Each structure stands twice: as C-alpha cells, then as structure tokens.
Amino acid sequence: MHDSGWFVLLPIHLLTTYDVPWVPTRYELITHIMRIARIGPNDVFYDLGCGDGRVVIEAAKRGAKAVCIEIREDLLRQAKENAKKACVYEIFQFFIFVS
C-alpha cells in the first residue's frame, strides 16, 4: 500500500464517539486541494468539520464564499479567530452542529 502521508488511520472506536478527534490538515495538502478543486470567486466552499478553519480560510483567500461547520465549539471559536486574522471573516458563515 502506498502511503502518501496525507491521511491518518484512526482506531474505529475514536470515530464512533461524540468527542471526534481533530486531525489538522497539513498546509501543503491544502494548496494541493485548492489547485485540484480550482477554487475561485464563483465558488461556495463548505467545510464539514472545519476544525481551526485552515482549509476553508484558504478557499476564502481565493475569493470563494466560505461555510465552516464544526461540532466542537472550541474549534469553531478558533476558526472564527483565524478567519479574522486572515482578513476573510466577513465572507464566512459559521455553524455549530448540535446533535
């Protein structure tokens, strides 16, 4: 099996609990994602499980409207702060998912 280093294998019990593990996306992978998806000003980028917002912030920097959805309030707060620091907060929509 080829290991590209992009994905992390997690024990299945971690994926079936409410406390979902957050595995940050590496910045070099974000650039790759944006290039492949050709994200631009005519796009709306939805990030389900946005974590600290790093992927959706890059989409917003490229002009896309950004929708950040997260289950953890602490990570959503961090995503909002990071969007403000990146000067893209005004084109974001933030949602907390409550089960």
PDB file of N, CA and C in Angstrom:
ATOM      1  N   MET A   1       0.845  -1.183   0.000  1.00  0.00           N
ATOM      2  CA  MET A   1       0.000   0.000   0.000  1.00  0.00           C
ATOM      3  C   MET A   1       0.884   1.238   0.000  1.00  0.00           C
ATOM      4  N   HIS A   2       0.615   2.181  -0.861  1.00  0.00           N
ATOM      5  CA  HIS A   2       1.377   3.424  -0.944  1.00  0.00           C
ATOM      6  C   HIS A   2       0.902   4.387   0.131  1.00  0.00           C
ATOM      7  N   ASP A   3       1.836   4.901   0.914  1.00  0.00           N
ATOM      8  CA  ASP A   3       1.491   5.856   1.971  1.00  0.00           C
ATOM      9  C   ASP A   3       1.905   7.248   1.526  1.00  0.00           C
ATOM     10  N   SER A   4       0.935   8.053   1.112  1.00  0.00           N
ATOM     11  CA  SER A   4       1.231   9.407   0.653  1.00  0.00           C
ATOM     12  C   SER A   4       1.466  10.357   1.807  1.00  0.00           C
ATOM     13  N   GLY A   5       1.120   9.942   3.028  1.00  0.00           N
ATOM     14  CA  GLY A   5       1.279  10.824   4.171  1.00  0.00           C
ATOM     15  C   GLY A   5       0.132  11.800   4.342  1.00  0.00           C
ATOM     16  N   TRP A   6      -0.887  11.699   3.532  1.00  0.00           N
ATOM     17  CA  TRP A   6      -1.995  12.649   3.589  1.00  0.00           C
ATOM     18  C   TRP A   6      -3.064  12.245   4.576  1.00  0.00           C
ATOM     19  N   PHE A   7      -3.174  10.982   4.834  1.00  0.00           N
ATOM     20  CA  PHE A   7      -4.270  10.511   5.666  1.00  0.00           C
ATOM     21  C   PHE A   7      -3.726   9.826   6.909  1.00  0.00           C
ATOM     22  N   VAL A   8      -4.516   9.834   7.948  1.00  0.00           N
ATOM     23  CA  VAL A   8      -4.140   9.205   9.205  1.00  0.00           C
ATOM     24  C   VAL A   8      -5.148   8.108   9.496  1.00  0.00           C
ATOM     25  N   LEU A   9      -4.661   6.925   9.833  1.00  0.00           N
ATOM     26  CA  LEU A   9      -5.551   5.841  10.224  1.00  0.00           C
ATOM     27  C   LEU A   9      -5.860   5.987  11.702  1.00  0.00           C
ATOM     28  N   LEU A  10      -7.131   5.951  12.040  1.00  0.00           N
ATOM     29  CA  LEU A  10      -7.564   6.089  13.429  1.00  0.00           C
ATOM     30  C   LEU A  10      -8.299   4.840  13.862  1.00  0.00           C
ATOM     31  N   PRO A  11      -8.136   4.442  15.120  1.00  0.00           N
ATOM     32  CA  PRO A  11      -8.934   3.313  15.621  1.00  0.00           C
ATOM     33  C   PRO A  11     -10.423   3.632  15.485  1.00  0.00           C
ATOM     34  N   ILE A  12     -11.212   2.651  15.078  1.00  0.00           N
ATOM     35  CA  ILE A  12     -12.634   2.868  14.804  1.00  0.00           C
ATOM     36  C   ILE A  12     -13.384   3.389  16.022  1.00  0.00           C
ATOM     37  N   HIS A  13     -12.981   3.006  17.241  1.00  0.00           N
ATOM     38  CA  HIS A  13     -13.706   3.490  18.423  1.00  0.00           C
ATOM     39  C   HIS A  13     -13.586   5.002  18.585  1.00  0.00           C
ATOM     40  N   LEU A  14     -12.535   5.605  18.048  1.00  0.00           N
ATOM     41  CA  LEU A  14     -12.404   7.058  18.113  1.00  0.00           C
ATOM     42  C   LEU A  14     -13.407   7.755  17.200  1.00  0.00           C
ATOM     43  N   LEU A  15     -13.826   7.070  16.160  1.00  0.00           N
ATOM     44  CA  LEU A  15     -14.733   7.671  15.191  1.00  0.00           C
ATOM     45  C   LEU A  15     -16.199   7.508  15.573  1.00  0.00           C
ATOM     46  N   THR A  16     -16.476   6.737  16.596  1.00  0.00           N
ATOM     47  CA  THR A  16     -17.867   6.487  16.974  1.00  0.00           C
ATOM     48  C   THR A  16     -18.249   7.161  18.282  1.00  0.00           C
ATOM     49  N   THR A  17     -17.407   8.046  18.770  1.00  0.00           N
ATOM     50  CA  THR A  17     -17.719   8.775  19.997  1.00  0.00           C
ATOM     51  C   THR A  17     -18.092  10.205  19.646  1.00  0.00           C
ATOM     52  N   TYR A  18     -18.718  10.870  20.601  1.00  0.00           N
ATOM     53  CA  TYR A  18     -19.079  12.270  20.378  1.00  0.00           C
ATOM     54  C   TYR A  18     -17.833  13.137  20.261  1.00  0.00           C
ATOM     55  N   ASP A  19     -16.833  12.846  21.052  1.00  0.00           N
ATOM     56  CA  ASP A  19     -15.594  13.619  21.009  1.00  0.00           C
ATOM     57  C   ASP A  19     -14.777  13.184  19.806  1.00  0.00           C
ATOM     58  N   VAL A  20     -15.083  13.777  18.696  1.00  0.00           N
ATOM     59  CA  VAL A  20     -14.446  13.424  17.436  1.00  0.00           C
ATOM     60  C   VAL A  20     -13.014  13.954  17.447  1.00  0.00           C
ATOM     61  N   PRO A  21     -12.043  13.120  17.080  1.00  0.00           N
ATOM     62  CA  PRO A  21     -10.663  13.611  17.062  1.00  0.00           C
ATOM     63  C   PRO A  21     -10.476  14.618  15.937  1.00  0.00           C
ATOM     64  N   TRP A  22      -9.694  15.635  16.221  1.00  0.00           N
ATOM     65  CA  TRP A  22      -9.380  16.619  15.193  1.00  0.00           C
ATOM     66  C   TRP A  22      -7.966  16.350  14.711  1.00  0.00           C
ATOM     67  N   VAL A  23      -7.843  16.120  13.431  1.00  0.00           N
ATOM     68  CA  VAL A  23      -6.537  15.910  12.815  1.00  0.00           C
ATOM     69  C   VAL A  23      -6.339  17.056  11.832  1.00  0.00           C
ATOM     70  N   PRO A  24      -5.492  18.032  12.167  1.00  0.00           N
ATOM     71  CA  PRO A  24      -5.315  19.194  11.291  1.00  0.00           C
ATOM     72  C   PRO A  24      -4.762  18.803   9.926  1.00  0.00           C
ATOM     73  N   THR A  25      -5.282  19.434   8.904  1.00  0.00           N
ATOM     74  CA  THR A  25      -4.797  19.215   7.543  1.00  0.00           C
ATOM     75  C   THR A  25      -3.471  19.949   7.366  1.00  0.00           C
ATOM     76  N   ARG A  26      -2.503  19.259   6.801  1.00  0.00           N
ATOM     77  CA  ARG A  26      -1.194  19.880   6.563  1.00  0.00           C
ATOM     78  C   ARG A  26      -1.330  20.968   5.499  1.00  0.00           C
ATOM     79  N   TYR A  27      -0.572  22.054   5.674  1.00  0.00           N
ATOM     80  CA  TYR A  27      -0.693  23.194   4.771  1.00  0.00           C
ATOM     81  C   TYR A  27      -0.334  22.844   3.325  1.00  0.00           C
ATOM     82  N   GLU A  28       0.643  21.970   3.107  1.00  0.00           N
ATOM     83  CA  GLU A  28       0.987  21.606   1.726  1.00  0.00           C
ATOM     84  C   GLU A  28      -0.145  20.829   1.059  1.00  0.00           C
ATOM     85  N   LEU A  29      -0.937  20.107   1.839  1.00  0.00           N
ATOM     86  CA  LEU A  29      -2.098  19.407   1.288  1.00  0.00           C
ATOM     87  C   LEU A  29      -3.208  20.399   0.937  1.00  0.00           C
ATOM     88  N   ILE A  30      -3.344  21.449   1.729  1.00  0.00           N
ATOM     89  CA  ILE A  30      -4.367  22.470   1.455  1.00  0.00           C
ATOM     90  C   ILE A  30      -4.120  23.110   0.088  1.00  0.00           C
ATOM     91  N   THR A  31      -2.879  23.436  -0.204  1.00  0.00           N
ATOM     92  CA  THR A  31      -2.535  24.011  -1.507  1.00  0.00           C
ATOM     93  C   THR A  31      -2.910  23.044  -2.629  1.00  0.00           C
ATOM     94  N   HIS A  32      -2.646  21.779  -2.413  1.00  0.00           N
ATOM     95  CA  HIS A  32      -2.984  20.743  -3.397  1.00  0.00           C
ATOM     96  C   HIS A  32      -4.504  20.662  -3.601  1.00  0.00           C
ATOM     97  N   ILE A  33      -5.254  20.696  -2.511  1.00  0.00           N
ATOM     98  CA  ILE A  33      -6.724  20.651  -2.576  1.00  0.00           C
ATOM     99  C   ILE A  33      -7.260  21.827  -3.388  1.00  0.00           C
ATOM    100  N   MET A  34      -6.766  23.017  -3.098  1.00  0.00           N
ATOM    101  CA  MET A  34      -7.242  24.222  -3.787  1.00  0.00           C
ATOM    102  C   MET A  34      -6.925  24.164  -5.276  1.00  0.00           C
ATOM    103  N   ARG A  35      -5.751  23.651  -5.612  1.00  0.00           N
ATOM    104  CA  ARG A  35      -5.358  23.570  -7.021  1.00  0.00           C
ATOM    105  C   ARG A  35      -6.222  22.562  -7.772  1.00  0.00           C
ATOM    106  N   ILE A  36      -6.428  21.388  -7.189  1.00  0.00           N
ATOM    107  CA  ILE A  36      -7.226  20.357  -7.853  1.00  0.00           C
ATOM    108  C   ILE A  36      -8.679  20.803  -8.012  1.00  0.00           C
ATOM    109  N   ALA A  37      -9.234  21.415  -6.966  1.00  0.00           N
ATOM    110  CA  ALA A  37     -10.642  21.835  -6.999  1.00  0.00           C
ATOM    111  C   ALA A  37     -10.847  23.139  -7.768  1.00  0.00           C
ATOM    112  N   ARG A  38      -9.753  23.822  -8.088  1.00  0.00           N
ATOM    113  CA  ARG A  38      -9.822  25.111  -8.803  1.00  0.00           C
ATOM    114  C   ARG A  38     -10.764  26.090  -8.110  1.00  0.00           C
ATOM    115  N   ILE A  39     -10.557  26.258  -6.816  1.00  0.00           N
ATOM    116  CA  ILE A  39     -11.401  27.142  -6.010  1.00  0.00           C
ATOM    117  C   ILE A  39     -11.164  28.589  -6.415  1.00  0.00           C
ATOM    118  N   GLY A  40     -12.262  29.327  -6.621  1.00  0.00           N
ATOM    119  CA  GLY A  40     -12.154  30.725  -7.016  1.00  0.00           C
ATOM    120  C   GLY A  40     -13.367  31.531  -6.592  1.00  0.00           C
ATOM    121  N   PRO A  41     -13.465  32.754  -7.076  1.00  0.00           N
ATOM    122  CA  PRO A  41     -14.508  33.697  -6.653  1.00  0.00           C
ATOM    123  C   PRO A  41     -15.944  33.258  -6.937  1.00  0.00           C
ATOM    124  N   ASN A  42     -16.155  32.352  -7.860  1.00  0.00           N
ATOM    125  CA  ASN A  42     -17.519  31.914  -8.179  1.00  0.00           C
ATOM    126  C   ASN A  42     -17.963  30.707  -7.367  1.00  0.00           C
ATOM    127  N   ASP A  43     -17.150  30.298  -6.398  1.00  0.00           N
ATOM    128  CA  ASP A  43     -17.424  29.076  -5.645  1.00  0.00           C
ATOM    129  C   ASP A  43     -17.938  29.355  -4.234  1.00  0.00           C
ATOM    130  N   VAL A  44     -18.666  28.381  -3.716  1.00  0.00           N
ATOM    131  CA  VAL A  44     -19.024  28.345  -2.296  1.00  0.00           C
ATOM    132  C   VAL A  44     -18.343  27.097  -1.752  1.00  0.00           C
ATOM    133  N   PHE A  45     -17.499  27.273  -0.746  1.00  0.00           N
ATOM    134  CA  PHE A  45     -16.713  26.174  -0.196  1.00  0.00           C
ATOM    135  C   PHE A  45     -17.276  25.787   1.164  1.00  0.00           C
ATOM    136  N   TYR A  46     -17.797  24.568   1.269  1.00  0.00           N
ATOM    137  CA  TYR A  46     -18.320  24.036   2.529  1.00  0.00           C
ATOM    138  C   TYR A  46     -17.252  23.157   3.159  1.00  0.00           C
ATOM    139  N   ASP A  47     -16.960  23.398   4.421  1.00  0.00           N
ATOM    140  CA  ASP A  47     -16.010  22.558   5.143  1.00  0.00           C
ATOM    141  C   ASP A  47     -16.728  21.939   6.330  1.00  0.00           C
ATOM    142  N   LEU A  48     -17.103  20.672   6.192  1.00  0.00           N
ATOM    143  CA  LEU A  48     -17.790  19.946   7.261  1.00  0.00           C
ATOM    144  C   LEU A  48     -16.741  19.396   8.207  1.00  0.00           C
ATOM    145  N   GLY A  49     -16.756  19.887   9.426  1.00  0.00           N
ATOM    146  CA  GLY A  49     -15.703  19.535  10.373  1.00  0.00           C
ATOM    147  C   GLY A  49     -14.498  20.419  10.124  1.00  0.00           C
ATOM    148  N   CYS A  50     -14.734  21.730  10.110  1.00  0.00           N
ATOM    149  CA  CYS A  50     -13.715  22.696   9.686  1.00  0.00           C
ATOM    150  C   CYS A  50     -12.542  22.837  10.646  1.00  0.00           C
ATOM    151  N   GLY A  51     -12.668  22.318  11.865  1.00  0.00           N
ATOM    152  CA  GLY A  51     -11.550  22.433  12.806  1.00  0.00           C
ATOM    153  C   GLY A  51     -11.181  23.880  13.044  1.00  0.00           C
ATOM    154  N   ASP A  52      -9.907  24.217  12.877  1.00  0.00           N
ATOM    155  CA  ASP A  52      -9.454  25.594  13.102  1.00  0.00           C
ATOM    156  C   ASP A  52      -9.660  26.482  11.880  1.00  0.00           C
ATOM    157  N   GLY A  53     -10.288  25.945  10.835  1.00  0.00           N
ATOM    158  CA  GLY A  53     -10.638  26.744   9.665  1.00  0.00           C
ATOM    159  C   GLY A  53      -9.562  26.862   8.607  1.00  0.00           C
ATOM    160  N   ARG A  54      -8.458  26.173   8.772  1.00  0.00           N
ATOM    161  CA  ARG A  54      -7.330  26.386   7.864  1.00  0.00           C
ATOM    162  C   ARG A  54      -7.646  26.107   6.395  1.00  0.00           C
ATOM    163  N   VAL A  55      -8.467  25.100   6.102  1.00  0.00           N
ATOM    164  CA  VAL A  55      -8.782  24.775   4.701  1.00  0.00           C
ATOM    165  C   VAL A  55      -9.754  25.800   4.126  1.00  0.00           C
ATOM    166  N   VAL A  56     -10.815  26.074   4.851  1.00  0.00           N
ATOM    167  CA  VAL A  56     -11.834  27.000   4.363  1.00  0.00           C
ATOM    168  C   VAL A  56     -11.298  28.437   4.298  1.00  0.00           C
ATOM    169  N   ILE A  57     -10.355  28.785   5.158  1.00  0.00           N
ATOM    170  CA  ILE A  57      -9.727  30.110   5.093  1.00  0.00           C
ATOM    171  C   ILE A  57      -8.951  30.255   3.787  1.00  0.00           C
ATOM    172  N   GLU A  58      -8.256  29.224   3.377  1.00  0.00           N
ATOM    173  CA  GLU A  58      -7.529  29.279   2.104  1.00  0.00           C
ATOM    174  C   GLU A  58      -8.497  29.439   0.935  1.00  0.00           C
ATOM    175  N   ALA A  59      -9.643  28.766   0.995  1.00  0.00           N
ATOM    176  CA  ALA A  59     -10.657  28.933  -0.053  1.00  0.00           C
ATOM    177  C   ALA A  59     -11.155  30.374  -0.077  1.00  0.00           C
ATOM    178  N   ALA A  60     -11.377  30.950   1.095  1.00  0.00           N
ATOM    179  CA  ALA A  60     -11.842  32.337   1.179  1.00  0.00           C
ATOM    180  C   ALA A  60     -10.788  33.304   0.638  1.00  0.00           C
ATOM    181  N   LYS A  61      -9.530  33.038   0.897  1.00  0.00           N
ATOM    182  CA  LYS A  61      -8.455  33.885   0.363  1.00  0.00           C
ATOM    183  C   LYS A  61      -8.451  33.872  -1.160  1.00  0.00           C
ATOM    184  N   ARG A  62      -8.951  32.795  -1.735  1.00  0.00           N
ATOM    185  CA  ARG A  62      -9.027  32.679  -3.194  1.00  0.00           C
ATOM    186  C   ARG A  62     -10.335  33.244  -3.737  1.00  0.00           C
ATOM    187  N   GLY A  63     -11.143  33.850  -2.855  1.00  0.00           N
ATOM    188  CA  GLY A  63     -12.353  34.534  -3.278  1.00  0.00           C
ATOM    189  C   GLY A  63     -13.643  33.768  -3.095  1.00  0.00           C
ATOM    190  N   ALA A  64     -13.572  32.517  -2.687  1.00  0.00           N
ATOM    191  CA  ALA A  64     -14.792  31.716  -2.511  1.00  0.00           C
ATOM    192  C   ALA A  64     -15.553  32.168  -1.270  1.00  0.00           C
ATOM    193  N   LYS A  65     -16.866  32.023  -1.317  1.00  0.00           N
ATOM    194  CA  LYS A  65     -17.662  32.199  -0.104  1.00  0.00           C
ATOM    195  C   LYS A  65     -17.392  30.981   0.769  1.00  0.00           C
ATOM    196  N   ALA A  66     -17.278  31.188   2.065  1.00  0.00           N
ATOM    197  CA  ALA A  66     -16.831  30.114   2.950  1.00  0.00           C
ATOM    198  C   ALA A  66     -17.901  29.752   3.965  1.00  0.00           C
ATOM    199  N   VAL A  67     -18.160  28.454   4.100  1.00  0.00           N
ATOM    200  CA  VAL A  67     -19.107  27.955   5.099  1.00  0.00           C
ATOM    201  C   VAL A  67     -18.351  26.955   5.969  1.00  0.00           C
ATOM    202  N   CYS A  68     -18.262  27.284   7.238  1.00  0.00           N
ATOM    203  CA  CYS A  68     -17.484  26.497   8.195  1.00  0.00           C
ATOM    204  C   CYS A  68     -18.448  25.823   9.169  1.00  0.00           C
ATOM    205  N   ILE A  69     -18.478  24.495   9.176  1.00  0.00           N
ATOM    206  CA  ILE A  69     -19.384  23.740  10.043  1.00  0.00           C
ATOM    207  C   ILE A  69     -18.537  22.865  10.958  1.00  0.00           C
ATOM    208  N   GLU A  70     -18.801  22.966  12.262  1.00  0.00           N
ATOM    209  CA  GLU A  70     -17.981  22.244  13.242  1.00  0.00           C
ATOM    210  C   GLU A  70     -18.853  21.778  14.395  1.00  0.00           C
ATOM    211  N   ILE A  71     -18.524  20.628  14.971  1.00  0.00           N
ATOM    212  CA  ILE A  71     -19.266  20.067  16.097  1.00  0.00           C
ATOM    213  C   ILE A  71     -18.707  20.565  17.432  1.00  0.00           C
ATOM    214  N   ARG A  72     -17.424  20.940  17.437  1.00  0.00           N
ATOM    215  CA  ARG A  72     -16.772  21.377  18.675  1.00  0.00           C
ATOM    216  C   ARG A  72     -16.728  22.895  18.755  1.00  0.00           C
ATOM    217  N   GLU A  73     -17.316  23.438  19.813  1.00  0.00           N
ATOM    218  CA  GLU A  73     -17.373  24.890  19.980  1.00  0.00           C
ATOM    219  C   GLU A  73     -15.991  25.516  20.089  1.00  0.00           C
ATOM    220  N   ASP A  74     -15.057  24.848  20.758  1.00  0.00           N
ATOM    221  CA  ASP A  74     -13.713  25.402  20.912  1.00  0.00           C
ATOM    222  C   ASP A  74     -13.019  25.560  19.563  1.00  0.00           C
ATOM    223  N   LEU A  75     -13.196  24.592  18.684  1.00  0.00           N
ATOM    224  CA  LEU A  75     -12.586  24.689  17.360  1.00  0.00           C
ATOM    225  C   LEU A  75     -13.282  25.737  16.501  1.00  0.00           C
ATOM    226  N   LEU A  76     -14.593  25.864  16.631  1.00  0.00           N
ATOM    227  CA  LEU A  76     -15.306  26.882  15.864  1.00  0.00           C
ATOM    228  C   LEU A  76     -14.866  28.285  16.293  1.00  0.00           C
ATOM    229  N   ARG A  77     -14.667  28.483  17.597  1.00  0.00           N
ATOM    230  CA  ARG A  77     -14.150  29.773  18.081  1.00  0.00           C
ATOM    231  C   ARG A  77     -12.772  30.052  17.481  1.00  0.00           C
ATOM    232  N   GLN A  78     -11.934  29.025  17.458  1.00  0.00           N
ATOM    233  CA  GLN A  78     -10.601  29.185  16.890  1.00  0.00           C
ATOM    234  C   GLN A  78     -10.680  29.498  15.395  1.00  0.00           C
ATOM    235  N   ALA A  79     -11.588  28.847  14.681  1.00  0.00           N
ATOM    236  CA  ALA A  79     -11.766  29.116  13.248  1.00  0.00           C
ATOM    237  C   ALA A  79     -12.182  30.568  13.023  1.00  0.00           C
ATOM    238  N   LYS A  80     -13.078  31.072  13.865  1.00  0.00           N
ATOM    239  CA  LYS A  80     -13.507  32.473  13.744  1.00  0.00           C
ATOM    240  C   LYS A  80     -12.334  33.421  13.956  1.00  0.00           C
ATOM    241  N   GLU A  81     -11.537  33.159  14.982  1.00  0.00           N
ATOM    242  CA  GLU A  81     -10.367  33.999  15.250  1.00  0.00           C
ATOM    243  C   GLU A  81      -9.374  33.943  14.093  1.00  0.00           C
ATOM    244  N   ASN A  82      -9.144  32.760  13.572  1.00  0.00           N
ATOM    245  CA  ASN A  82      -8.215  32.612  12.449  1.00  0.00           C
ATOM    246  C   ASN A  82      -8.732  33.309  11.196  1.00  0.00           C
ATOM    247  N   ALA A  83     -10.043  33.281  10.972  1.00  0.00           N
ATOM    248  CA  ALA A  83     -10.631  33.987   9.825  1.00  0.00           C
ATOM    249  C   ALA A  83     -10.464  35.497   9.980  1.00  0.00           C
ATOM    250  N   LYS A  84     -10.604  35.987  11.208  1.00  0.00           N
ATOM    251  CA  LYS A  84     -10.386  37.423  11.458  1.00  0.00           C
ATOM    252  C   LYS A  84      -8.936  37.798  11.183  1.00  0.00           C
ATOM    253  N   LYS A  85      -8.002  36.992  11.687  1.00  0.00           N
ATOM    254  CA  LYS A  85      -6.576  37.258  11.474  1.00  0.00           C
ATOM    255  C   LYS A  85      -6.219  37.234   9.992  1.00  0.00           C
ATOM    256  N   ALA A  86      -6.895  36.390   9.227  1.00  0.00           N
ATOM    257  CA  ALA A  86      -6.630  36.271   7.786  1.00  0.00           C
ATOM    258  C   ALA A  86      -7.398  37.312   6.970  1.00  0.00           C
ATOM    259  N   CYS A  87      -8.182  38.157   7.648  1.00  0.00           N
ATOM    260  CA  CYS A  87      -8.969  39.218   6.998  1.00  0.00           C
ATOM    261  C   CYS A  87     -10.000  38.669   6.015  1.00  0.00           C
ATOM    262  N   VAL A  88     -10.578  37.509   6.331  1.00  0.00           N
ATOM    263  CA  VAL A  88     -11.623  36.936   5.479  1.00  0.00           C
ATOM    264  C   VAL A  88     -12.901  36.654   6.273  1.00  0.00           C
ATOM    265  N   TYR A  89     -12.963  37.123   7.498  1.00  0.00           N
ATOM    266  CA  TYR A  89     -14.091  36.834   8.389  1.00  0.00           C
ATOM    267  C   TYR A  89     -15.428  37.267   7.788  1.00  0.00           C
ATOM    268  N   GLU A  90     -15.448  38.379   7.089  1.00  0.00           N
ATOM    269  CA  GLU A  90     -16.705  38.936   6.581  1.00  0.00           C
ATOM    270  C   GLU A  90     -17.346  38.097   5.478  1.00  0.00           C
ATOM    271  N   ILE A  91     -16.608  37.186   4.863  1.00  0.00           N
ATOM    272  CA  ILE A  91     -17.206  36.345   3.816  1.00  0.00           C
ATOM    273  C   ILE A  91     -17.460  34.926   4.311  1.00  0.00           C
ATOM    274  N   PHE A  92     -17.425  34.746   5.629  1.00  0.00           N
ATOM    275  CA  PHE A  92     -17.655  33.438   6.247  1.00  0.00           C
ATOM    276  C   PHE A  92     -19.064  33.323   6.781  1.00  0.00           C
ATOM    277  N   GLN A  93     -19.556  32.090   6.820  1.00  0.00           N
ATOM    278  CA  GLN A  93     -20.721  31.716   7.615  1.00  0.00           C
ATOM    279  C   GLN A  93     -20.245  30.600   8.523  1.00  0.00           C
ATOM    280  N   PHE A  94     -20.576  30.707   9.808  1.00  0.00           N
ATOM    281  CA  PHE A  94     -20.139  29.717  10.782  1.00  0.00           C
ATOM    282  C   PHE A  94     -21.350  29.021  11.370  1.00  0.00           C
ATOM    283  N   PHE A  95     -21.250  27.710  11.521  1.00  0.00           N
ATOM    284  CA  PHE A  95     -22.332  26.934  12.113  1.00  0.00           C
ATOM    285  C   PHE A  95     -21.753  25.940  13.101  1.00  0.00           C
ATOM    286  N   ILE A  96     -22.418  25.805  14.227  1.00  0.00           N
ATOM    287  CA  ILE A  96     -22.081  24.751  15.170  1.00  0.00           C
ATOM    288  C   ILE A  96     -23.112  23.654  14.977  1.00  0.00           C
ATOM    289  N   PHE A  97     -22.654  22.432  14.839  1.00  0.00           N
ATOM    290  CA  PHE A  97     -23.558  21.301  14.666  1.00  0.00           C
ATOM    291  C   PHE A  97     -23.897  20.751  16.035  1.00  0.00           C
ATOM    292  N   VAL A  98     -25.168  20.693  16.349  1.00  0.00           N
ATOM    293  CA  VAL A  98     -25.616  20.171  17.636  1.00  0.00           C
ATOM    294  C   VAL A  98     -26.441  18.923  17.374  1.00  0.00           C
ATOM    295  N   SER A  99     -26.052  17.827  18.024  1.00  0.00           N
ATOM    296  CA  SER A  99     -26.800  16.582  17.817  1.00  0.00           C
ATOM    297  C   SER A  99     -27.799  16.372  18.932  1.00  0.00           C
TER     298      SER A  99
END
